[in-house]
Amino acid sequence: MIRIALHNALRAFGFLLLLTIPHLDLIAEEKPIVRIGSKSFTESVILGDLLSHLARDAGAQVEHRSELGGTQVLWKALVQGDIDAYVDYTGTIREELLAESIKQGGEIHSESDMREAMAKLKVVMSDRIGFNNTYALGMRESVAEPLKITKISDLRNHPDLKLGISDEFMERKDGWRQLAAKYRLPQTDIRTMDHNLAYRGLEHNSIQITDLYTTDAEIEFYRLRTLEDDQGFFPTYYAMVLMRDDLPKRLPKVAEAILKLENTINSEEMSSMTAGVRLDRKLESNVAAEFLNKKLGMSLPLQSVGAGAEWKRFFSRLGRTTLEHMFLVAISLSLAIATAIPLGILSARNDTAGQTILGIVGVIQTLPSMALLVFMIPLFGLGAVPAIAALFFYSLLPIVRNTYAGLTQIPKVTIESAEVLGLDAAARLRLVELPLALPSILAGIKTAAVINVGTATIGAFIGAGGYGAPILTGIRLSSIPLILQGAVPAAVLALIVQFGFSHLEKRFVSPGLRIR
């Protein structure tokens, strides 16, 4: 009975795998493509679309892996070859990407020094794109004016102010900790949050200070005061294209087209493009295309807008993200079932092994999901594979523990009866113990499946797609409808999974053994 149940479950997941693979670009492609990356803030996504348009116009197939998290995720992806190019900033390049070179005694002061150091890492650094988007601290004018705060050093007199700092700014070497040390700032009520949500926090006065990008359109929209960096802490952040040095060799026309972005965008133009997306709700790709058409005389087509086009995009996105999400859950859960049940059996058979196995899978379960995803990137790169690996590890504990519990709770008299009948250990496991433990095992699989459906949304941070993609975009653009496009289907899929495993239990478990 246990074999029949698991066989049917695996068949179902295998069917989902066959259904989804053609839609996830996992089949080998005949033509080489160019993969462009971008970070999870609007300006970076627009810059990624600019690079994508230029590469596509040069005849390349382009995949824009947008909203891939922070600097380290993009940099590792570039070095490993998961992406071919993205835009970063001189301050970040020096303080974050070349920090190890500086530690080893490298003299990196100018952009020329950076370019030489990047070349040693097999990365080409372009000239400036044009604008300087440095960090700053900002407050609402209505809050800053009564307190007479105009520069960062004025914050020393107001230790009670609450700060909302983006995760990356909190941890980076040119971020909050070093800034607070240089200015001797006394504030202790500091929260880390998404950069885009911090503006909402300022609006509702749940925080009074946040970190800004100086080209953010929200500065004007929310009437924010950018505090003067009166001690010159922040370095310049000129935008630069970073590309793998093999791209000009493989596709020289594409590399040449991408570098057309050099010296084309000033700060006002970048701020205007950001405002077009965040405030006017234009599509990033359209904003990028409009700029290139105007600035470089190109004739890039724009995506259609309007109710009909919006509904078409909605259903297209829903279909794509559903298939991606089902793929992530199905594969990771199938692998977990095949691994965790034998581990649970081993744990029940051997006390020492059982405590070790349960301890290890328990520790894995406590790891933060984002941290585990980042750990997977050096091993598997970007996309579905690292997300599946992370979900696989998160699925182990419920199945191992429930298999172990189901087997160890079988009455001894039942085991002794099987021995009296002459059954060896293998036959006893197959014919007696596993059927009796089946309700507990299915309950563990069901728990793992439901957890996977929810946790799979974080796969969007590393380009795995799924329901997390519209959620991330919705958070970035402060769009409730986009967030719901990911959150509601994820909740519905979790209910379907719950119902499906309940049906399996009714189908294959004797009524007297069902967990109530």
Protein backbone atom coordinates (compact mmCIF):
# COMPACT_ATOMS: atom_id res chain seq x y z
CA MET A 1 0.00 0.00 0.00
CA ILE A 2 2.82 2.42 0.88
CA ARG A 3 4.50 1.69 -2.43
CA ILE A 4 1.29 2.32 -4.35
CA ALA A 5 0.71 5.65 -2.59
CA LEU A 6 4.23 6.90 -3.11
CA HIS A 7 4.26 5.61 -6.68
CA ASN A 8 1.13 7.60 -7.49
CA ALA A 9 2.51 10.71 -5.80
CA LEU A 10 5.76 10.49 -7.74
CA ARG A 11 3.86 9.89 -10.98
CA ALA A 12 1.89 13.06 -10.34
CA PHE A 13 5.04 15.07 -9.71
CA GLY A 14 6.69 13.51 -12.77
CA PHE A 15 3.74 14.63 -14.86
CA LEU A 16 4.14 18.18 -13.54
CA LEU A 17 7.83 18.04 -14.42
CA LEU A 18 7.11 17.00 -18.01
CA LEU A 19 4.45 19.69 -18.21
CA THR A 20 6.66 22.51 -17.00
CA ILE A 21 10.09 21.82 -18.44
CA PRO A 22 9.25 23.16 -21.94
CA HIS A 23 8.17 26.44 -20.41
CA LEU A 24 11.25 27.12 -18.33
CA ASP A 25 13.93 27.40 -21.03
CA LEU A 26 15.71 24.36 -19.61
CA ILE A 27 16.10 22.81 -23.04
CA ALA A 28 19.42 23.48 -24.71
CA GLU A 29 19.20 26.48 -26.96
CA GLU A 30 20.59 26.40 -30.48
CA LYS A 31 21.67 30.06 -30.50
CA PRO A 32 23.78 31.70 -27.79
CA ILE A 33 21.89 34.25 -25.77
CA VAL A 34 22.95 37.27 -23.75
CA ARG A 35 21.86 37.32 -20.12
CA ILE A 36 21.49 40.74 -18.53
CA GLY A 37 21.13 41.14 -14.77
CA SER A 38 19.66 43.84 -12.56
CA LYS A 39 19.25 44.47 -8.84
CA SER A 40 15.96 44.68 -7.02
CA PHE A 41 15.37 48.42 -7.31
CA THR A 42 13.70 50.32 -10.12
CA GLU A 43 16.71 52.20 -11.48
CA SER A 44 18.68 48.98 -11.86
CA VAL A 45 15.77 47.27 -13.63
CA ILE A 46 15.50 50.19 -16.10
CA LEU A 47 19.25 50.06 -16.75
CA GLY A 48 18.94 46.32 -17.33
CA ASP A 49 16.19 46.96 -19.86
CA LEU A 50 18.37 49.55 -21.60
CA LEU A 51 21.16 46.98 -21.97
CA SER A 52 18.63 44.37 -23.10
CA HIS A 53 17.21 46.63 -25.82
CA LEU A 54 20.69 47.48 -27.12
CA ALA A 55 21.78 43.83 -27.19
CA ARG A 56 18.54 42.73 -28.84
CA ASP A 57 18.85 45.46 -31.48
CA ALA A 58 22.31 44.07 -32.27
CA GLY A 59 20.73 40.72 -33.15
CA ALA A 60 21.11 38.78 -29.89
CA GLN A 61 18.59 36.72 -28.02
CA VAL A 62 18.29 38.42 -24.65
CA GLU A 63 17.21 37.20 -21.26
CA HIS A 64 16.84 39.93 -18.65
CA ARG A 65 17.18 38.38 -15.21
CA SER A 66 15.71 41.24 -13.26
CA GLU A 67 15.42 41.91 -9.53
CA LEU A 68 18.14 39.46 -8.50
CA GLY A 69 18.66 40.88 -5.04
CA GLY A 70 21.74 42.83 -4.00
CA THR A 71 25.29 43.48 -5.13
CA GLN A 72 26.88 40.20 -4.09
CA VAL A 73 24.23 38.11 -5.87
CA LEU A 74 24.78 40.00 -9.15
CA TRP A 75 28.55 39.97 -8.82
CA LYS A 76 28.74 36.22 -8.16
CA ALA A 77 26.38 35.62 -11.07
CA LEU A 78 28.63 37.70 -13.37
CA VAL A 79 31.85 36.00 -12.26
CA GLN A 80 30.32 32.52 -12.60
CA GLY A 81 28.85 33.25 -16.03
CA ASP A 82 25.17 33.13 -15.07
CA ILE A 83 24.82 36.63 -16.49
CA ASP A 84 26.93 38.43 -19.09
CA ALA A 85 26.48 42.07 -18.06
CA TYR A 86 24.84 44.40 -15.57
CA VAL A 87 25.22 47.97 -14.31
CA ASP A 88 26.93 48.78 -11.02
CA TYR A 89 28.38 51.91 -9.42
CA THR A 90 31.92 53.10 -8.77
CA GLY A 91 31.45 53.42 -5.02
CA THR A 92 30.08 49.89 -4.84
CA ILE A 93 32.79 48.56 -7.14
CA ARG A 94 35.56 49.97 -5.00
CA GLU A 95 34.12 49.35 -1.54
CA GLU A 96 32.42 46.00 -2.17
CA LEU A 97 33.61 44.21 -5.28
CA LEU A 98 37.30 45.12 -5.07
CA ALA A 99 37.57 45.11 -1.28
CA GLU A 100 39.64 41.91 -1.32
CA SER A 101 42.06 43.38 -3.86
CA ILE A 102 42.49 46.44 -1.64
CA LYS A 103 43.11 44.20 1.40
CA GLN A 104 45.87 42.45 -0.51
CA GLY A 105 47.65 45.76 -1.05
CA GLY A 106 46.17 46.83 -4.34
CA GLU A 107 46.20 50.58 -5.00
CA ILE A 108 42.71 51.43 -6.22
CA HIS A 109 41.94 55.13 -6.21
CA SER A 110 40.82 56.11 -9.70
CA GLU A 111 38.41 54.63 -12.20
CA SER A 112 41.43 53.57 -14.22
CA ASP A 113 42.67 51.56 -11.23
CA MET A 114 39.25 49.94 -10.92
CA ARG A 115 39.24 49.08 -14.61
CA GLU A 116 42.65 47.39 -14.34
CA ALA A 117 41.61 45.44 -11.23
CA MET A 118 38.40 44.32 -12.95
CA ALA A 119 40.38 43.16 -15.97
CA LYS A 120 42.35 40.81 -13.70
CA LEU A 121 38.99 39.31 -12.67
CA LYS A 122 38.08 38.87 -16.36
CA VAL A 123 35.49 41.63 -16.23
CA VAL A 124 35.30 44.64 -18.57
CA MET A 125 34.30 47.94 -16.96
CA SER A 126 32.92 50.62 -19.27
CA ASP A 127 33.30 54.37 -19.08
CA ARG A 128 30.70 56.27 -17.07
CA ILE A 129 27.13 55.97 -18.24
CA GLY A 130 26.86 59.57 -17.12
CA PHE A 131 24.99 60.10 -13.87
CA ASN A 132 26.18 59.91 -10.26
CA ASN A 133 23.67 58.13 -8.03
CA THR A 134 25.27 58.27 -4.62
CA TYR A 135 23.76 57.36 -1.27
CA ALA A 136 22.26 59.97 1.03
CA LEU A 137 20.09 60.17 4.12
CA GLY A 138 16.68 61.73 3.76
CA MET A 139 13.75 62.97 5.85
CA ARG A 140 10.37 64.48 5.09
CA GLU A 141 10.53 68.26 4.90
CA SER A 142 7.67 68.51 7.40
CA VAL A 143 9.76 66.61 9.95
CA ALA A 144 13.20 68.06 9.21
CA GLU A 145 12.22 71.75 9.11
CA PRO A 146 10.87 72.09 12.69
CA LEU A 147 13.96 70.29 13.99
CA LYS A 148 16.32 72.47 11.89
CA ILE A 149 18.02 69.42 10.39
CA THR A 150 19.81 70.16 7.12
CA LYS A 151 22.96 67.99 7.30
CA ILE A 152 23.88 64.57 8.64
CA SER A 153 25.85 65.95 11.59
CA ASP A 154 22.64 67.64 12.85
CA LEU A 155 21.31 64.17 13.68
CA ARG A 156 23.63 64.02 16.71
CA ASN A 157 21.17 66.29 18.53
CA HIS A 158 18.18 64.02 17.92
CA PRO A 159 18.91 60.51 19.26
CA ASP A 160 15.20 59.66 19.45
CA LEU A 161 14.66 59.68 15.68
CA LYS A 162 13.76 56.32 14.14
CA LEU A 163 15.64 55.03 11.12
CA GLY A 164 14.53 52.60 8.42
CA ILE A 165 17.62 51.33 6.57
CA SER A 166 17.74 48.98 3.59
CA ASP A 167 19.38 45.62 4.28
CA GLU A 168 22.24 46.22 1.86
CA PHE A 169 23.01 49.73 3.16
CA MET A 170 23.08 48.39 6.71
CA GLU A 171 25.75 45.80 5.92
CA ARG A 172 27.92 47.33 3.19
CA LYS A 173 31.36 48.75 3.96
CA ASP A 174 30.27 52.25 2.96
CA GLY A 175 26.94 51.89 4.74
CA TRP A 176 25.24 52.77 7.98
CA ARG A 177 27.71 51.37 10.54
CA GLN A 178 30.69 53.24 9.14
CA LEU A 179 28.59 56.37 8.55
CA ALA A 180 27.34 56.33 12.15
CA ALA A 181 30.90 55.85 13.43
CA LYS A 182 32.28 58.72 11.35
CA TYR A 183 29.52 61.14 12.37
CA ARG A 184 29.20 59.76 15.94
CA LEU A 185 25.45 59.35 15.51
CA PRO A 186 23.56 58.27 18.65
CA GLN A 187 20.43 56.75 17.09
CA THR A 188 19.65 53.21 18.27
CA ASP A 189 16.09 52.66 17.01
CA ILE A 190 17.09 51.28 13.62
CA ARG A 191 15.03 48.90 11.51
CA THR A 192 16.12 47.12 8.36
CA MET A 193 13.56 47.00 5.57
CA ASP A 194 13.13 46.92 1.82
CA HIS A 195 14.32 50.17 0.22
CA ASN A 196 10.98 50.77 -1.48
CA LEU A 197 8.94 50.13 1.66
CA ALA A 198 11.00 52.67 3.59
CA TYR A 199 9.31 55.49 1.64
CA ARG A 200 5.95 54.26 2.89
CA GLY A 201 7.38 54.25 6.39
CA LEU A 202 8.40 57.90 6.01
CA GLU A 203 4.97 58.78 4.67
CA HIS A 204 3.23 57.25 7.70
CA ASN A 205 5.88 58.55 10.14
CA SER A 206 6.71 55.06 11.44
CA ILE A 207 10.31 56.05 10.65
CA GLN A 208 11.82 59.52 10.26
CA ILE A 209 15.07 58.83 8.36
CA THR A 210 16.05 56.45 5.58
CA ASP A 211 18.82 55.94 3.06
CA LEU A 212 18.17 57.33 -0.42
CA TYR A 213 19.55 56.98 -3.91
CA THR A 214 19.97 60.56 -5.08
CA THR A 215 18.20 59.89 -8.39
CA ASP A 216 15.11 58.38 -6.71
CA ALA A 217 11.89 59.88 -8.04
CA GLU A 218 10.34 59.55 -4.58
CA ILE A 219 12.52 62.35 -3.22
CA GLU A 220 10.39 64.93 -4.98
CA PHE A 221 7.14 62.96 -4.78
CA TYR A 222 7.27 62.58 -0.98
CA ARG A 223 8.84 66.02 -0.50
CA LEU A 224 11.96 64.69 1.15
CA ARG A 225 14.95 66.66 2.31
CA THR A 226 18.29 65.15 1.30
CA LEU A 227 20.69 65.76 4.18
CA GLU A 228 24.04 67.28 3.31
CA ASP A 229 26.98 64.90 3.68
CA ASP A 230 28.99 67.61 5.44
CA GLN A 231 31.93 65.34 6.30
CA GLY A 232 32.19 63.84 2.80
CA PHE A 233 31.54 60.25 3.80
CA PHE A 234 29.81 58.92 0.69
CA PRO A 235 31.98 58.22 -2.36
CA THR A 236 30.79 58.97 -5.87
CA TYR A 237 28.56 56.36 -7.47
CA TYR A 238 28.93 56.75 -11.21
CA ALA A 239 27.04 54.06 -13.09
CA MET A 240 29.24 51.68 -15.12
CA VAL A 241 28.49 48.68 -17.30
CA LEU A 242 30.25 45.52 -16.10
CA MET A 243 30.49 42.66 -18.60
CA ARG A 244 32.36 39.40 -18.79
CA ASP A 245 35.47 39.73 -20.92
CA ASP A 246 34.40 36.79 -23.09
CA LEU A 247 31.31 38.66 -24.35
CA PRO A 248 33.26 40.93 -26.78
CA LYS A 249 35.00 37.80 -28.08
CA ARG A 250 31.80 35.77 -28.51
CA LEU A 251 29.49 38.53 -29.68
CA PRO A 252 31.52 41.65 -30.55
CA LYS A 253 28.58 43.51 -32.11
CA VAL A 254 26.49 42.96 -28.98
CA ALA A 255 29.27 44.17 -26.69
CA GLU A 256 29.75 47.24 -28.92
CA ALA A 257 26.00 47.94 -28.84
CA ILE A 258 25.87 47.69 -25.04
CA LEU A 259 28.72 50.19 -24.71
CA LYS A 260 26.67 52.76 -26.63
CA LEU A 261 25.18 53.52 -23.21
CA GLU A 262 28.41 55.28 -22.18
CA ASN A 263 27.98 59.01 -21.55
CA THR A 264 24.31 59.05 -22.51
CA ILE A 265 22.30 59.50 -19.27
CA ASN A 266 22.52 62.46 -16.90
CA SER A 267 21.02 62.54 -13.41
CA GLU A 268 17.86 64.36 -14.48
CA GLU A 269 17.19 61.86 -17.26
CA MET A 270 17.70 58.90 -14.93
CA SER A 271 15.41 60.42 -12.32
CA SER A 272 12.81 61.10 -15.02
CA MET A 273 12.89 57.47 -16.19
CA THR A 274 12.52 56.24 -12.61
CA ALA A 275 9.58 58.57 -12.09
CA GLY A 276 7.97 57.27 -15.26
CA VAL A 277 7.93 53.76 -13.78
CA ARG A 278 7.27 54.39 -10.11
CA LEU A 279 4.94 57.36 -10.33
CA ASP A 280 3.35 57.17 -13.80
CA ARG A 281 3.13 53.34 -13.74
CA LYS A 282 4.78 52.89 -17.14
CA LEU A 283 6.44 49.59 -18.06
CA GLU A 284 10.21 49.59 -17.48
CA SER A 285 10.83 48.21 -20.96
CA ASN A 286 8.75 51.01 -22.52
CA VAL A 287 10.51 53.70 -20.51
CA ALA A 288 13.89 52.31 -21.59
CA ALA A 289 12.79 52.01 -25.23
CA GLU A 290 11.41 55.58 -25.29
CA PHE A 291 14.72 56.92 -23.96
CA LEU A 292 16.82 55.02 -26.53
CA ASN A 293 14.51 56.05 -29.37
CA LYS A 294 14.87 59.68 -28.38
CA LYS A 295 18.52 59.72 -27.35
CA LEU A 296 20.10 57.36 -29.89
CA GLY A 297 17.57 57.66 -32.71
CA MET A 298 16.56 54.01 -32.49
CA SER A 299 13.17 52.62 -33.54
CA LEU A 300 12.38 50.18 -30.76
CA PRO A 301 8.75 49.01 -30.53
CA LEU A 302 6.77 49.67 -27.36
CA GLN A 303 4.58 47.14 -25.60
CA SER A 304 0.90 47.96 -25.97
CA VAL A 305 -0.95 49.41 -23.00
CA GLY A 306 -4.61 49.58 -22.12
CA ALA A 307 -7.14 47.29 -20.49
CA GLY A 308 -6.95 44.57 -23.14
CA ALA A 309 -3.16 44.46 -23.10
CA GLU A 310 -3.10 44.49 -19.30
CA TRP A 311 -5.42 41.48 -19.10
CA LYS A 312 -3.35 39.66 -21.69
CA ARG A 313 -0.18 40.31 -19.68
CA PHE A 314 -1.98 39.25 -16.50
CA PHE A 315 -3.01 35.85 -17.85
CA SER A 316 0.34 35.34 -19.55
CA ARG A 317 2.17 36.12 -16.31
CA LEU A 318 -0.21 33.97 -14.27
CA GLY A 319 0.26 30.98 -16.56
CA ARG A 320 4.03 31.34 -16.64
CA THR A 321 4.49 31.86 -12.91
CA THR A 322 2.12 29.00 -12.09
CA LEU A 323 4.13 26.57 -14.21
CA GLU A 324 7.40 27.84 -12.73
CA HIS A 325 6.09 27.57 -9.19
CA MET A 326 4.69 24.07 -9.70
CA PHE A 327 7.99 23.00 -11.20
CA LEU A 328 9.98 24.22 -8.18
CA VAL A 329 7.63 22.54 -5.71
CA ALA A 330 7.22 19.29 -7.63
CA ILE A 331 10.91 18.59 -8.21
CA SER A 332 12.12 19.61 -4.76
CA LEU A 333 9.37 17.64 -3.03
CA SER A 334 9.94 14.54 -5.17
CA LEU A 335 13.65 14.58 -4.35
CA ALA A 336 12.87 15.14 -0.66
CA ILE A 337 10.45 12.18 -0.55
CA ALA A 338 13.01 9.91 -2.18
CA THR A 339 15.68 11.01 0.32
CA ALA A 340 13.79 11.67 3.56
CA ILE A 341 11.83 8.42 3.87
CA PRO A 342 14.99 6.24 3.80
CA LEU A 343 16.60 8.66 6.29
CA GLY A 344 13.55 8.34 8.53
CA ILE A 345 13.73 4.56 8.36
CA LEU A 346 17.44 4.65 9.22
CA SER A 347 16.71 6.99 12.13
CA ALA A 348 14.09 4.61 13.52
CA ARG A 349 16.44 1.61 13.18
CA ASN A 350 19.49 3.18 14.84
CA ASP A 351 19.25 5.54 17.82
CA THR A 352 22.67 7.13 17.27
CA ALA A 353 22.09 7.68 13.57
CA GLY A 354 18.58 8.91 14.31
CA GLN A 355 19.69 11.64 16.69
CA THR A 356 22.37 12.76 14.26
CA ILE A 357 20.06 12.84 11.24
CA LEU A 358 17.24 14.59 13.10
CA GLY A 359 19.71 17.11 14.50
CA ILE A 360 21.15 17.93 11.07
CA VAL A 361 17.80 18.35 9.30
CA GLY A 362 16.57 20.37 12.28
CA VAL A 363 19.51 22.77 11.99
CA ILE A 364 18.93 23.11 8.24
CA GLN A 365 15.31 24.07 8.93
CA THR A 366 16.43 26.95 11.16
CA LEU A 367 18.64 28.56 8.48
CA PRO A 368 17.12 31.74 7.03
CA SER A 369 15.75 31.03 3.59
CA MET A 370 17.59 33.92 1.91
CA ALA A 371 20.89 32.85 3.46
CA LEU A 372 20.42 29.29 2.23
CA LEU A 373 19.63 30.59 -1.27
CA VAL A 374 22.82 32.65 -1.33
CA PHE A 375 24.81 29.60 -0.18
CA MET A 376 23.42 27.69 -3.16
CA ILE A 377 24.51 30.26 -5.78
CA PRO A 378 28.26 29.36 -5.80
CA LEU A 379 27.31 25.70 -6.20
CA PHE A 380 24.48 25.93 -8.73
CA GLY A 381 24.46 29.48 -10.12
CA LEU A 382 21.18 31.30 -10.67
CA GLY A 383 17.76 30.06 -11.70
CA ALA A 384 15.67 27.06 -10.77
CA VAL A 385 18.42 24.67 -9.65
CA PRO A 386 19.61 26.55 -6.51
CA ALA A 387 15.99 27.27 -5.57
CA ILE A 388 15.13 23.57 -5.90
CA ALA A 389 18.16 22.68 -3.79
CA ALA A 390 17.11 25.09 -1.03
CA LEU A 391 13.50 23.84 -1.09
CA PHE A 392 14.74 20.25 -1.00
CA PHE A 393 16.63 20.91 2.23
CA TYR A 394 13.63 22.65 3.79
CA SER A 395 11.42 19.65 2.92
CA LEU A 396 13.56 17.09 4.72
CA LEU A 397 12.67 17.74 8.36
CA PRO A 398 8.87 17.18 8.25
CA ILE A 399 9.20 13.97 6.23
CA VAL A 400 12.15 12.53 8.17
CA ARG A 401 10.59 13.35 11.52
CA ASN A 402 7.15 11.97 10.64
CA THR A 403 8.63 8.80 9.14
CA TYR A 404 10.68 8.33 12.28
CA ALA A 405 7.68 9.03 14.53
CA GLY A 406 5.38 6.73 12.58
CA LEU A 407 7.79 3.80 12.76
CA THR A 408 8.82 4.22 16.40
CA GLN A 409 5.23 4.48 17.62
CA ILE A 410 4.19 1.08 16.28
CA PRO A 411 3.32 -1.16 19.30
CA LYS A 412 5.99 -3.73 20.12
CA VAL A 413 3.40 -6.48 20.22
CA THR A 414 2.67 -5.86 16.55
CA ILE A 415 6.36 -6.20 15.67
CA GLU A 416 6.63 -9.36 17.75
CA SER A 417 3.59 -10.83 15.99
CA ALA A 418 5.24 -10.22 12.63
CA GLU A 419 8.41 -11.93 13.84
CA VAL A 420 6.38 -14.94 15.04
CA LEU A 421 4.94 -15.22 11.53
CA GLY A 422 8.50 -15.62 10.27
CA LEU A 423 8.87 -12.30 8.46
CA ASP A 424 12.45 -11.07 8.05
CA ALA A 425 13.35 -7.43 8.67
CA ALA A 426 12.82 -6.32 5.04
CA ALA A 427 9.45 -8.07 4.72
CA ARG A 428 8.37 -6.77 8.12
CA LEU A 429 9.21 -3.21 7.05
CA ARG A 430 7.44 -3.52 3.71
CA LEU A 431 4.33 -5.42 4.81
CA VAL A 432 3.74 -4.22 8.37
CA GLU A 433 5.69 -1.20 9.55
CA LEU A 434 5.46 1.14 6.54
CA PRO A 435 1.70 0.56 6.03
CA LEU A 436 1.11 1.32 9.71
CA ALA A 437 3.36 4.43 9.53
CA LEU A 438 1.79 5.64 6.27
CA PRO A 439 -0.62 8.16 7.87
CA SER A 440 2.27 9.84 9.67
CA ILE A 441 4.48 9.77 6.55
CA LEU A 442 1.77 11.33 4.39
CA ALA A 443 1.19 14.00 7.03
CA GLY A 444 4.91 14.88 6.86
CA ILE A 445 4.87 15.01 3.06
CA LYS A 446 1.77 17.19 3.14
CA THR A 447 3.42 19.58 5.61
CA ALA A 448 6.56 19.75 3.47
CA ALA A 449 4.50 20.41 0.33
CA VAL A 450 2.58 23.28 1.90
CA ILE A 451 5.80 24.79 3.28
CA ASN A 452 7.38 24.48 -0.16
CA VAL A 453 4.54 26.32 -1.86
CA GLY A 454 5.06 29.30 0.42
CA THR A 455 8.85 29.21 0.54
CA ALA A 456 9.21 28.83 -3.24
CA THR A 457 8.25 32.50 -3.63
CA ILE A 458 11.76 33.51 -2.53
CA GLY A 459 13.15 31.78 -5.61
CA ALA A 460 12.38 34.96 -7.54
CA PHE A 461 15.35 36.62 -5.78
CA ILE A 462 17.72 34.45 -7.82
CA GLY A 463 15.82 34.31 -11.09
CA ALA A 464 13.86 31.09 -10.48
CA GLY A 465 10.53 32.75 -11.26
CA GLY A 466 7.32 31.52 -9.70
CA TYR A 467 4.76 33.49 -7.74
CA GLY A 468 7.52 35.45 -6.02
CA ALA A 469 8.24 37.41 -9.22
CA PRO A 470 5.04 39.51 -9.22
CA ILE A 471 5.28 39.84 -5.43
CA LEU A 472 8.79 41.32 -5.67
CA THR A 473 7.79 43.65 -8.49
CA GLY A 474 4.69 44.69 -6.56
CA ILE A 475 6.74 45.53 -3.47
CA ARG A 476 9.23 47.48 -5.58
CA LEU A 477 6.48 49.48 -7.31
CA SER A 478 4.18 49.68 -4.26
CA SER A 479 1.51 47.93 -6.33
CA ILE A 480 -1.04 45.94 -4.32
CA PRO A 481 -2.55 44.32 -7.47
CA LEU A 482 0.86 42.95 -8.49
CA ILE A 483 1.50 41.62 -4.99
CA LEU A 484 -1.89 39.89 -5.03
CA GLN A 485 -1.07 38.33 -8.42
CA GLY A 486 1.57 36.30 -6.59
CA ALA A 487 0.13 35.99 -3.10
CA VAL A 488 -3.40 34.83 -3.98
CA PRO A 489 -2.36 32.06 -6.43
CA ALA A 490 0.24 30.85 -3.91
CA ALA A 491 -2.45 30.58 -1.24
CA VAL A 492 -4.80 28.79 -3.65
CA LEU A 493 -2.04 26.36 -4.66
CA ALA A 494 -1.34 25.62 -0.99
CA LEU A 495 -5.03 24.78 -0.47
CA ILE A 496 -5.01 22.54 -3.55
CA VAL A 497 -1.93 20.71 -2.23
CA GLN A 498 -3.58 20.31 1.17
CA PHE A 499 -6.73 18.91 -0.44
CA GLY A 500 -4.73 16.63 -2.75
CA PHE A 501 -2.84 14.93 0.04
CA SER A 502 -6.02 14.62 2.11
CA HIS A 503 -7.52 12.78 -0.86
CA LEU A 504 -4.46 10.52 -1.06
CA GLU A 505 -4.89 9.69 2.61
CA LYS A 506 -8.53 8.73 2.11
CA ARG A 507 -7.61 6.70 -0.96
CA PHE A 508 -4.74 4.66 0.45
CA VAL A 509 -4.97 4.71 4.26
CA SER A 510 -7.34 2.45 6.13
CA PRO A 511 -10.05 4.47 7.97
CA GLY A 512 -8.89 3.08 11.30
CA LEU A 513 -5.34 4.38 10.75
CA ARG A 514 -6.14 7.91 9.56
CA ILE A 515 -4.85 10.80 11.64
CA ARG A 516 -7.74 12.77 13.06
